[in-house]
């Protein structure tokens, strides 16, 4: 068989421990993609573990998507004189 070796499935206490670890790293500022890459897991599993581990501040939620948002007025159109 070729390809990347896979990590064993997570069950029970091992999954709870990993979920807490992922949630702590996520709360410290790590991205879901960064967590997945750092731990050799899929994005979907990283997302699930962060939610299971409590998400943002233990509320089971995730941060909103990042990136700059354009101003509704457009650049350089300041209303103040």
C-alpha atoms as a PDB file:
ATOM      1  CA  UNK A   1       0.000   0.000   0.000  1.00  0.00           C
ATOM      2  CA  UNK A   2       1.326   3.452  -0.865  1.00  0.00           C
ATOM      3  CA  UNK A   3       0.540   6.920   0.366  1.00  0.00           C
ATOM      4  CA  UNK A   4       0.723   8.695   3.666  1.00  0.00           C
ATOM      5  CA  UNK A   5       0.480   6.587   6.802  1.00  0.00           C
ATOM      6  CA  UNK A   6      -2.634   7.354   8.805  1.00  0.00           C
ATOM      7  CA  UNK A   7      -2.987   7.917  12.506  1.00  0.00           C
ATOM      8  CA  UNK A   8      -5.127   5.425  14.425  1.00  0.00           C
ATOM      9  CA  UNK A   9      -8.743   6.334  15.044  1.00  0.00           C
ATOM     10  CA  UNK A  10      -9.490   8.246  18.214  1.00  0.00           C
ATOM     11  CA  UNK A  11     -11.935   6.753  20.715  1.00  0.00           C
ATOM     12  CA  UNK A  12     -12.832   7.232  24.350  1.00  0.00           C
ATOM     13  CA  UNK A  13     -10.361   8.941  26.672  1.00  0.00           C
ATOM     14  CA  UNK A  14      -7.737   9.423  23.943  1.00  0.00           C
ATOM     15  CA  UNK A  15     -10.279  11.368  21.878  1.00  0.00           C
ATOM     16  CA  UNK A  16     -11.314  13.521  24.857  1.00  0.00           C
ATOM     17  CA  UNK A  17      -7.672  14.345  25.590  1.00  0.00           C
ATOM     18  CA  UNK A  18      -6.951  15.207  21.942  1.00  0.00           C
ATOM     19  CA  UNK A  19     -10.139  17.312  21.735  1.00  0.00           C
ATOM     20  CA  UNK A  20      -9.075  19.325  24.778  1.00  0.00           C
ATOM     21  CA  UNK A  21      -5.606  19.794  23.266  1.00  0.00           C
ATOM     22  CA  UNK A  22      -7.013  20.978  19.930  1.00  0.00           C
ATOM     23  CA  UNK A  23      -9.475  23.345  21.657  1.00  0.00           C
ATOM     24  CA  UNK A  24      -6.685  24.854  23.786  1.00  0.00           C
ATOM     25  CA  UNK A  25      -4.475  25.421  20.741  1.00  0.00           C
ATOM     26  CA  UNK A  26      -7.415  26.867  18.791  1.00  0.00           C
ATOM     27  CA  UNK A  27      -8.231  29.253  21.651  1.00  0.00           C
ATOM     28  CA  UNK A  28      -4.566  30.296  21.664  1.00  0.00           C
ATOM     29  CA  UNK A  29      -4.948  31.414  18.035  1.00  0.00           C
ATOM     30  CA  UNK A  30      -4.167  28.368  15.890  1.00  0.00           C
ATOM     31  CA  UNK A  31      -6.256  27.905  12.742  1.00  0.00           C
ATOM     32  CA  UNK A  32      -8.178  24.737  11.970  1.00  0.00           C
ATOM     33  CA  UNK A  33      -6.000  24.121   8.918  1.00  0.00           C
ATOM     34  CA  UNK A  34      -2.883  24.735  10.980  1.00  0.00           C
ATOM     35  CA  UNK A  35      -4.029  22.280  13.643  1.00  0.00           C
ATOM     36  CA  UNK A  36      -4.810  19.644  11.026  1.00  0.00           C
ATOM     37  CA  UNK A  37      -1.403  20.021   9.397  1.00  0.00           C
ATOM     38  CA  UNK A  38       0.525  20.115  12.677  1.00  0.00           C
ATOM     39  CA  UNK A  39      -1.106  16.942  13.970  1.00  0.00           C
ATOM     40  CA  UNK A  40      -1.359  15.017  10.705  1.00  0.00           C
ATOM     41  CA  UNK A  41      -5.151  14.947  10.798  1.00  0.00           C
ATOM     42  CA  UNK A  42      -7.836  16.048   8.368  1.00  0.00           C
ATOM     43  CA  UNK A  43      -9.460  19.479   8.462  1.00  0.00           C
ATOM     44  CA  UNK A  44     -12.803  17.828   9.255  1.00  0.00           C
ATOM     45  CA  UNK A  45     -11.413  15.933  12.232  1.00  0.00           C
ATOM     46  CA  UNK A  46      -9.615  19.036  13.513  1.00  0.00           C
ATOM     47  CA  UNK A  47     -12.887  20.963  13.313  1.00  0.00           C
ATOM     48  CA  UNK A  48     -14.839  18.206  15.073  1.00  0.00           C
ATOM     49  CA  UNK A  49     -12.243  17.904  17.847  1.00  0.00           C
ATOM     50  CA  UNK A  50     -12.190  21.655  18.480  1.00  0.00           C
ATOM     51  CA  UNK A  51     -15.988  21.668  18.803  1.00  0.00           C
ATOM     52  CA  UNK A  52     -15.947  18.568  21.048  1.00  0.00           C
ATOM     53  CA  UNK A  53     -13.218  20.153  23.151  1.00  0.00           C
ATOM     54  CA  UNK A  54     -15.336  23.224  23.798  1.00  0.00           C
ATOM     55  CA  UNK A  55     -14.538  25.540  20.898  1.00  0.00           C
ATOM     56  CA  UNK A  56     -14.267  29.225  21.754  1.00  0.00           C
ATOM     57  CA  UNK A  57     -14.146  29.670  25.529  1.00  0.00           C
ATOM     58  CA  UNK A  58     -15.899  26.356  26.162  1.00  0.00           C
ATOM     59  CA  UNK A  59     -19.037  27.365  24.256  1.00  0.00           C
ATOM     60  CA  UNK A  60     -18.657  24.811  21.458  1.00  0.00           C
ATOM     61  CA  UNK A  61     -18.460  27.600  18.857  1.00  0.00           C
ATOM     62  CA  UNK A  62     -15.803  28.423  16.275  1.00  0.00           C
ATOM     63  CA  UNK A  63     -14.341  31.779  15.293  1.00  0.00           C
ATOM     64  CA  UNK A  64     -15.786  33.460  12.219  1.00  0.00           C
ATOM     65  CA  UNK A  65     -13.912  33.207   8.965  1.00  0.00           C
ATOM     66  CA  UNK A  66     -10.943  35.541   8.798  1.00  0.00           C
ATOM     67  CA  UNK A  67      -9.767  38.019   6.247  1.00  0.00           C
ATOM     68  CA  UNK A  68     -10.179  41.714   5.672  1.00  0.00           C
ATOM     69  CA  UNK A  69     -13.596  42.954   4.746  1.00  0.00           C
ATOM     70  CA  UNK A  70     -13.953  45.865   2.345  1.00  0.00           C
ATOM     71  CA  UNK A  71     -15.415  49.069   3.650  1.00  0.00           C
ATOM     72  CA  UNK A  72     -19.061  49.522   2.638  1.00  0.00           C
ATOM     73  CA  UNK A  73     -18.135  52.954   1.270  1.00  0.00           C
ATOM     74  CA  UNK A  74     -15.063  51.751  -0.552  1.00  0.00           C
ATOM     75  CA  UNK A  75     -11.466  52.767   0.000  1.00  0.00           C
ATOM     76  CA  UNK A  76     -10.676  56.462   0.373  1.00  0.00           C
ATOM     77  CA  UNK A  77     -14.293  57.598   0.766  1.00  0.00           C
ATOM     78  CA  UNK A  78     -14.147  58.980   4.268  1.00  0.00           C
ATOM     79  CA  UNK A  79     -17.252  60.963   5.268  1.00  0.00           C
ATOM     80  CA  UNK A  80     -15.380  63.160   7.763  1.00  0.00           C
ATOM     81  CA  UNK A  81     -14.107  66.509   6.398  1.00  0.00           C
END
